[in-house]
Amino acid sequence: MSAAASQLNDVSVVTKANVYFNGDVVSYTVLLAAGVKKTVGVIRPGSFHFNTGAPERMEIVDGSCRVTLDGGTEQLAYVAGSHFDVPGKSGFQIEVQGGLCHYICSFLD
């Protein structure tokens, strides 16, 4: 298990937040060199479903969550330093039971 990045260098930040589920999930888009796009954000306690366009990698920076990928039945736990991948044109259910879950989402397409 590799550690999630603690800092992203040489980026531009889109200053308007991406706000989902009445503010329970908030992220900011960061643009890296060569057109690479990521989002960094936090998820408050609750259970939320996200759809994906492109494939994504969700790195957990702090906190923990439980995730079920669309089409699956197994709910897996993720903690700081771990990640999960989500296929494009799919989705996932993410549950945070306590505290905040901090993440970095990388778009793999």
N, C-alpha and C. Protein backbone atom coordinates (compact mmCIF):
# COMPACT_ATOMS: atom_id res chain seq x y z
N MET A 1 0.86 -1.18 0.00
CA MET A 1 0.00 0.00 0.00
C MET A 1 0.90 1.23 0.00
N SER A 2 0.74 2.09 -0.99
CA SER A 2 1.55 3.30 -1.06
C SER A 2 0.84 4.44 -0.33
N ALA A 3 1.64 5.36 0.17
CA ALA A 3 1.07 6.51 0.87
C ALA A 3 0.48 7.48 -0.14
N ALA A 4 -0.65 8.07 0.20
CA ALA A 4 -1.25 9.09 -0.65
C ALA A 4 -0.41 10.36 -0.56
N ALA A 5 -0.44 11.15 -1.60
CA ALA A 5 0.32 12.39 -1.64
C ALA A 5 -0.13 13.31 -0.51
N SER A 6 0.85 13.96 0.13
CA SER A 6 0.50 14.93 1.17
C SER A 6 0.54 16.35 0.62
N GLN A 7 1.07 16.51 -0.59
CA GLN A 7 1.17 17.83 -1.20
C GLN A 7 1.23 17.67 -2.71
N LEU A 8 0.55 18.54 -3.43
CA LEU A 8 0.64 18.60 -4.88
C LEU A 8 1.36 19.89 -5.24
N ASN A 9 2.44 19.79 -5.99
CA ASN A 9 3.25 20.97 -6.33
C ASN A 9 2.94 21.46 -7.74
N ASP A 10 3.23 22.74 -7.97
CA ASP A 10 3.13 23.35 -9.30
C ASP A 10 1.76 23.12 -9.94
N VAL A 11 0.72 23.56 -9.26
CA VAL A 11 -0.64 23.38 -9.75
C VAL A 11 -1.37 24.71 -9.85
N SER A 12 -2.42 24.71 -10.64
CA SER A 12 -3.39 25.80 -10.65
C SER A 12 -4.64 25.25 -10.01
N VAL A 13 -5.35 26.09 -9.26
CA VAL A 13 -6.56 25.66 -8.56
C VAL A 13 -7.75 26.42 -9.10
N VAL A 14 -8.81 25.68 -9.44
CA VAL A 14 -10.08 26.32 -9.80
C VAL A 14 -10.72 26.74 -8.49
N THR A 15 -10.96 28.01 -8.30
CA THR A 15 -11.35 28.52 -6.98
C THR A 15 -12.81 28.25 -6.61
N LYS A 16 -13.66 27.95 -7.58
CA LYS A 16 -15.04 27.61 -7.24
C LYS A 16 -15.11 26.14 -6.85
N ALA A 17 -15.65 25.87 -5.68
CA ALA A 17 -15.74 24.50 -5.16
C ALA A 17 -16.77 23.67 -5.92
N ASN A 18 -16.54 22.37 -5.97
CA ASN A 18 -17.52 21.40 -6.44
C ASN A 18 -18.27 20.94 -5.19
N VAL A 19 -19.54 21.26 -5.09
CA VAL A 19 -20.31 20.97 -3.88
C VAL A 19 -21.41 19.97 -4.22
N TYR A 20 -21.43 18.85 -3.48
CA TYR A 20 -22.39 17.78 -3.70
C TYR A 20 -23.14 17.47 -2.41
N PHE A 21 -24.33 16.94 -2.55
CA PHE A 21 -25.11 16.44 -1.41
C PHE A 21 -25.23 17.49 -0.30
N ASN A 22 -25.69 18.69 -0.70
CA ASN A 22 -25.94 19.78 0.26
C ASN A 22 -24.71 20.13 1.09
N GLY A 23 -23.54 20.01 0.49
CA GLY A 23 -22.30 20.39 1.17
C GLY A 23 -21.64 19.27 1.95
N ASP A 24 -22.20 18.07 1.91
CA ASP A 24 -21.57 16.96 2.63
C ASP A 24 -20.32 16.44 1.92
N VAL A 25 -20.19 16.74 0.63
CA VAL A 25 -18.98 16.41 -0.13
C VAL A 25 -18.56 17.69 -0.86
N VAL A 26 -17.32 18.12 -0.63
CA VAL A 26 -16.81 19.33 -1.25
C VAL A 26 -15.40 19.05 -1.78
N SER A 27 -15.16 19.45 -3.02
CA SER A 27 -13.83 19.28 -3.60
C SER A 27 -13.44 20.50 -4.41
N TYR A 28 -12.14 20.58 -4.70
CA TYR A 28 -11.60 21.62 -5.58
C TYR A 28 -10.82 20.94 -6.69
N THR A 29 -10.93 21.49 -7.89
CA THR A 29 -10.20 20.98 -9.04
C THR A 29 -8.82 21.60 -9.06
N VAL A 30 -7.80 20.74 -9.24
CA VAL A 30 -6.43 21.22 -9.40
C VAL A 30 -5.93 20.75 -10.76
N LEU A 31 -5.22 21.64 -11.44
CA LEU A 31 -4.70 21.35 -12.78
C LEU A 31 -3.19 21.29 -12.69
N LEU A 32 -2.62 20.15 -13.08
CA LEU A 32 -1.18 19.94 -13.04
C LEU A 32 -0.60 20.13 -14.44
N ALA A 33 0.71 20.05 -14.53
CA ALA A 33 1.40 20.17 -15.82
C ALA A 33 0.86 19.14 -16.80
N ALA A 34 0.98 19.43 -18.06
CA ALA A 34 0.57 18.54 -19.14
C ALA A 34 -0.92 18.24 -19.14
N GLY A 35 -1.71 19.12 -18.54
CA GLY A 35 -3.15 18.98 -18.59
C GLY A 35 -3.76 17.95 -17.66
N VAL A 36 -2.98 17.44 -16.72
CA VAL A 36 -3.49 16.46 -15.75
C VAL A 36 -4.45 17.17 -14.80
N LYS A 37 -5.62 16.55 -14.57
CA LYS A 37 -6.64 17.14 -13.68
C LYS A 37 -6.92 16.18 -12.54
N LYS A 38 -7.01 16.74 -11.34
CA LYS A 38 -7.37 15.98 -10.14
C LYS A 38 -8.35 16.82 -9.34
N THR A 39 -9.03 16.19 -8.41
CA THR A 39 -9.78 16.95 -7.42
C THR A 39 -9.30 16.52 -6.05
N VAL A 40 -9.33 17.45 -5.12
CA VAL A 40 -9.01 17.16 -3.72
C VAL A 40 -10.20 17.61 -2.90
N GLY A 41 -10.61 16.79 -1.93
CA GLY A 41 -11.80 17.16 -1.19
C GLY A 41 -12.00 16.39 0.09
N VAL A 42 -13.14 16.64 0.69
CA VAL A 42 -13.54 15.99 1.94
C VAL A 42 -14.97 15.48 1.83
N ILE A 43 -15.21 14.39 2.55
CA ILE A 43 -16.55 13.81 2.62
C ILE A 43 -16.93 13.74 4.10
N ARG A 44 -18.08 14.31 4.42
CA ARG A 44 -18.60 14.25 5.79
C ARG A 44 -19.28 12.90 6.01
N PRO A 45 -19.56 12.55 7.25
CA PRO A 45 -20.25 11.28 7.52
C PRO A 45 -21.57 11.17 6.75
N GLY A 46 -21.80 10.00 6.20
CA GLY A 46 -23.00 9.72 5.42
C GLY A 46 -22.69 8.70 4.35
N SER A 47 -23.69 8.42 3.52
CA SER A 47 -23.54 7.47 2.43
C SER A 47 -23.95 8.16 1.14
N PHE A 48 -23.08 8.11 0.11
CA PHE A 48 -23.27 8.88 -1.10
C PHE A 48 -22.94 8.03 -2.33
N HIS A 49 -23.69 8.23 -3.41
CA HIS A 49 -23.41 7.52 -4.65
C HIS A 49 -22.88 8.51 -5.68
N PHE A 50 -21.78 8.11 -6.36
CA PHE A 50 -21.19 8.90 -7.43
C PHE A 50 -21.15 8.09 -8.71
N ASN A 51 -21.42 8.75 -9.83
CA ASN A 51 -21.26 8.16 -11.15
C ASN A 51 -19.93 8.64 -11.72
N THR A 52 -19.33 7.83 -12.59
CA THR A 52 -18.08 8.22 -13.23
C THR A 52 -18.28 8.31 -14.73
N GLY A 53 -17.59 9.27 -15.33
CA GLY A 53 -17.50 9.33 -16.78
C GLY A 53 -16.26 8.57 -17.20
N ALA A 54 -15.11 9.12 -16.81
CA ALA A 54 -13.82 8.50 -17.08
C ALA A 54 -13.43 7.61 -15.89
N PRO A 55 -12.50 6.69 -16.10
CA PRO A 55 -11.99 5.91 -14.96
C PRO A 55 -11.35 6.85 -13.92
N GLU A 56 -11.49 6.49 -12.66
CA GLU A 56 -10.97 7.33 -11.56
C GLU A 56 -10.19 6.49 -10.56
N ARG A 57 -9.22 7.13 -9.92
CA ARG A 57 -8.55 6.55 -8.76
C ARG A 57 -8.81 7.47 -7.58
N MET A 58 -9.36 6.91 -6.52
CA MET A 58 -9.62 7.66 -5.29
C MET A 58 -8.58 7.27 -4.25
N GLU A 59 -7.71 8.22 -3.91
CA GLU A 59 -6.70 8.02 -2.87
C GLU A 59 -7.23 8.60 -1.56
N ILE A 60 -7.18 7.84 -0.50
CA ILE A 60 -7.63 8.32 0.79
C ILE A 60 -6.43 8.94 1.51
N VAL A 61 -6.53 10.23 1.80
CA VAL A 61 -5.44 10.98 2.42
C VAL A 61 -5.53 10.94 3.94
N ASP A 62 -6.76 11.02 4.46
CA ASP A 62 -6.97 11.00 5.91
C ASP A 62 -8.39 10.50 6.17
N GLY A 63 -8.57 9.85 7.30
CA GLY A 63 -9.88 9.31 7.63
C GLY A 63 -10.06 7.93 7.01
N SER A 64 -11.31 7.51 6.91
CA SER A 64 -11.60 6.19 6.36
C SER A 64 -12.98 6.19 5.72
N CYS A 65 -13.22 5.16 4.90
CA CYS A 65 -14.51 5.02 4.23
C CYS A 65 -14.72 3.56 3.87
N ARG A 66 -15.95 3.26 3.48
CA ARG A 66 -16.31 1.94 2.97
C ARG A 66 -16.92 2.16 1.59
N VAL A 67 -16.55 1.30 0.63
CA VAL A 67 -16.92 1.53 -0.76
C VAL A 67 -17.48 0.26 -1.38
N THR A 68 -18.56 0.41 -2.15
CA THR A 68 -19.09 -0.66 -2.99
C THR A 68 -19.12 -0.14 -4.42
N LEU A 69 -18.42 -0.83 -5.31
CA LEU A 69 -18.44 -0.45 -6.72
C LEU A 69 -19.75 -0.88 -7.36
N ASP A 70 -20.25 -0.09 -8.30
CA ASP A 70 -21.47 -0.47 -9.02
C ASP A 70 -21.29 -1.86 -9.63
N GLY A 71 -22.33 -2.67 -9.52
CA GLY A 71 -22.29 -4.01 -10.05
C GLY A 71 -21.69 -5.02 -9.09
N GLY A 72 -21.18 -4.54 -7.96
CA GLY A 72 -20.58 -5.43 -6.97
C GLY A 72 -21.44 -5.50 -5.72
N THR A 73 -21.13 -6.45 -4.88
CA THR A 73 -21.86 -6.58 -3.62
C THR A 73 -20.94 -6.42 -2.41
N GLU A 74 -19.63 -6.50 -2.64
CA GLU A 74 -18.67 -6.44 -1.54
C GLU A 74 -18.37 -5.00 -1.16
N GLN A 75 -18.51 -4.70 0.13
CA GLN A 75 -18.18 -3.38 0.65
C GLN A 75 -16.79 -3.47 1.27
N LEU A 76 -15.84 -2.70 0.72
CA LEU A 76 -14.46 -2.76 1.19
C LEU A 76 -14.10 -1.50 1.96
N ALA A 77 -13.25 -1.65 2.98
CA ALA A 77 -12.82 -0.53 3.81
C ALA A 77 -11.51 0.03 3.26
N TYR A 78 -11.39 1.36 3.29
CA TYR A 78 -10.18 2.06 2.86
C TYR A 78 -9.80 3.06 3.92
N VAL A 79 -8.50 3.16 4.18
CA VAL A 79 -7.97 4.07 5.19
C VAL A 79 -6.89 4.94 4.55
N ALA A 80 -6.39 5.92 5.31
CA ALA A 80 -5.34 6.80 4.81
C ALA A 80 -4.19 5.98 4.24
N GLY A 81 -3.73 6.38 3.05
CA GLY A 81 -2.64 5.70 2.38
C GLY A 81 -3.09 4.62 1.41
N SER A 82 -4.40 4.35 1.35
CA SER A 82 -4.91 3.34 0.41
C SER A 82 -5.69 4.02 -0.71
N HIS A 83 -6.05 3.25 -1.73
CA HIS A 83 -6.82 3.79 -2.85
C HIS A 83 -7.70 2.71 -3.45
N PHE A 84 -8.67 3.16 -4.23
CA PHE A 84 -9.49 2.25 -5.03
C PHE A 84 -9.71 2.87 -6.40
N ASP A 85 -9.87 2.01 -7.40
CA ASP A 85 -10.10 2.44 -8.77
C ASP A 85 -11.54 2.15 -9.17
N VAL A 86 -12.11 3.07 -9.95
CA VAL A 86 -13.49 2.94 -10.41
C VAL A 86 -13.47 3.00 -11.94
N PRO A 87 -14.08 2.02 -12.60
CA PRO A 87 -14.12 2.05 -14.07
C PRO A 87 -14.90 3.26 -14.58
N GLY A 88 -14.62 3.65 -15.83
CA GLY A 88 -15.38 4.71 -16.47
C GLY A 88 -16.81 4.25 -16.74
N LYS A 89 -17.69 5.22 -16.86
CA LYS A 89 -19.10 4.95 -17.12
C LYS A 89 -19.66 3.94 -16.11
N SER A 90 -19.34 4.18 -14.87
CA SER A 90 -19.75 3.29 -13.78
C SER A 90 -20.10 4.16 -12.59
N GLY A 91 -19.83 3.67 -11.39
CA GLY A 91 -20.09 4.45 -10.20
C GLY A 91 -19.72 3.69 -8.96
N PHE A 92 -19.93 4.33 -7.81
CA PHE A 92 -19.62 3.69 -6.53
C PHE A 92 -20.42 4.35 -5.41
N GLN A 93 -20.69 3.57 -4.39
CA GLN A 93 -21.32 4.03 -3.16
C GLN A 93 -20.22 4.16 -2.13
N ILE A 94 -20.10 5.33 -1.50
CA ILE A 94 -19.08 5.56 -0.49
C ILE A 94 -19.75 5.95 0.81
N GLU A 95 -19.29 5.35 1.90
CA GLU A 95 -19.87 5.61 3.22
C GLU A 95 -18.76 6.02 4.18
N VAL A 96 -18.98 7.14 4.84
CA VAL A 96 -18.07 7.61 5.89
C VAL A 96 -18.85 7.55 7.19
N GLN A 97 -18.31 6.82 8.15
CA GLN A 97 -19.06 6.61 9.39
C GLN A 97 -18.77 7.64 10.47
N GLY A 98 -17.60 8.25 10.45
CA GLY A 98 -17.28 9.24 11.47
C GLY A 98 -16.14 10.11 11.01
N GLY A 99 -16.09 11.35 11.50
CA GLY A 99 -15.03 12.25 11.09
C GLY A 99 -15.16 12.64 9.63
N LEU A 100 -14.06 13.10 9.08
CA LEU A 100 -14.01 13.47 7.67
C LEU A 100 -13.12 12.49 6.92
N CYS A 101 -13.45 12.24 5.69
CA CYS A 101 -12.60 11.44 4.80
C CYS A 101 -12.03 12.41 3.77
N HIS A 102 -10.71 12.60 3.79
CA HIS A 102 -10.02 13.48 2.83
C HIS A 102 -9.52 12.62 1.67
N TYR A 103 -9.66 13.11 0.45
CA TYR A 103 -9.28 12.30 -0.71
C TYR A 103 -8.67 13.12 -1.83
N ILE A 104 -7.98 12.42 -2.71
CA ILE A 104 -7.53 12.95 -4.00
C ILE A 104 -8.13 12.04 -5.07
N CYS A 105 -8.82 12.63 -6.01
CA CYS A 105 -9.39 11.88 -7.12
C CYS A 105 -8.59 12.18 -8.38
N SER A 106 -8.02 11.13 -8.99
CA SER A 106 -7.28 11.27 -10.24
C SER A 106 -8.12 10.69 -11.37
N PHE A 107 -8.17 11.40 -12.47
CA PHE A 107 -8.90 10.95 -13.65
C PHE A 107 -7.92 10.21 -14.54
N LEU A 108 -8.16 8.93 -14.78
CA LEU A 108 -7.19 8.05 -15.40
C LEU A 108 -7.29 7.98 -16.92
N ASP A 109 -8.28 8.60 -17.52
CA ASP A 109 -8.46 8.52 -18.97
C ASP A 109 -7.54 9.47 -19.68
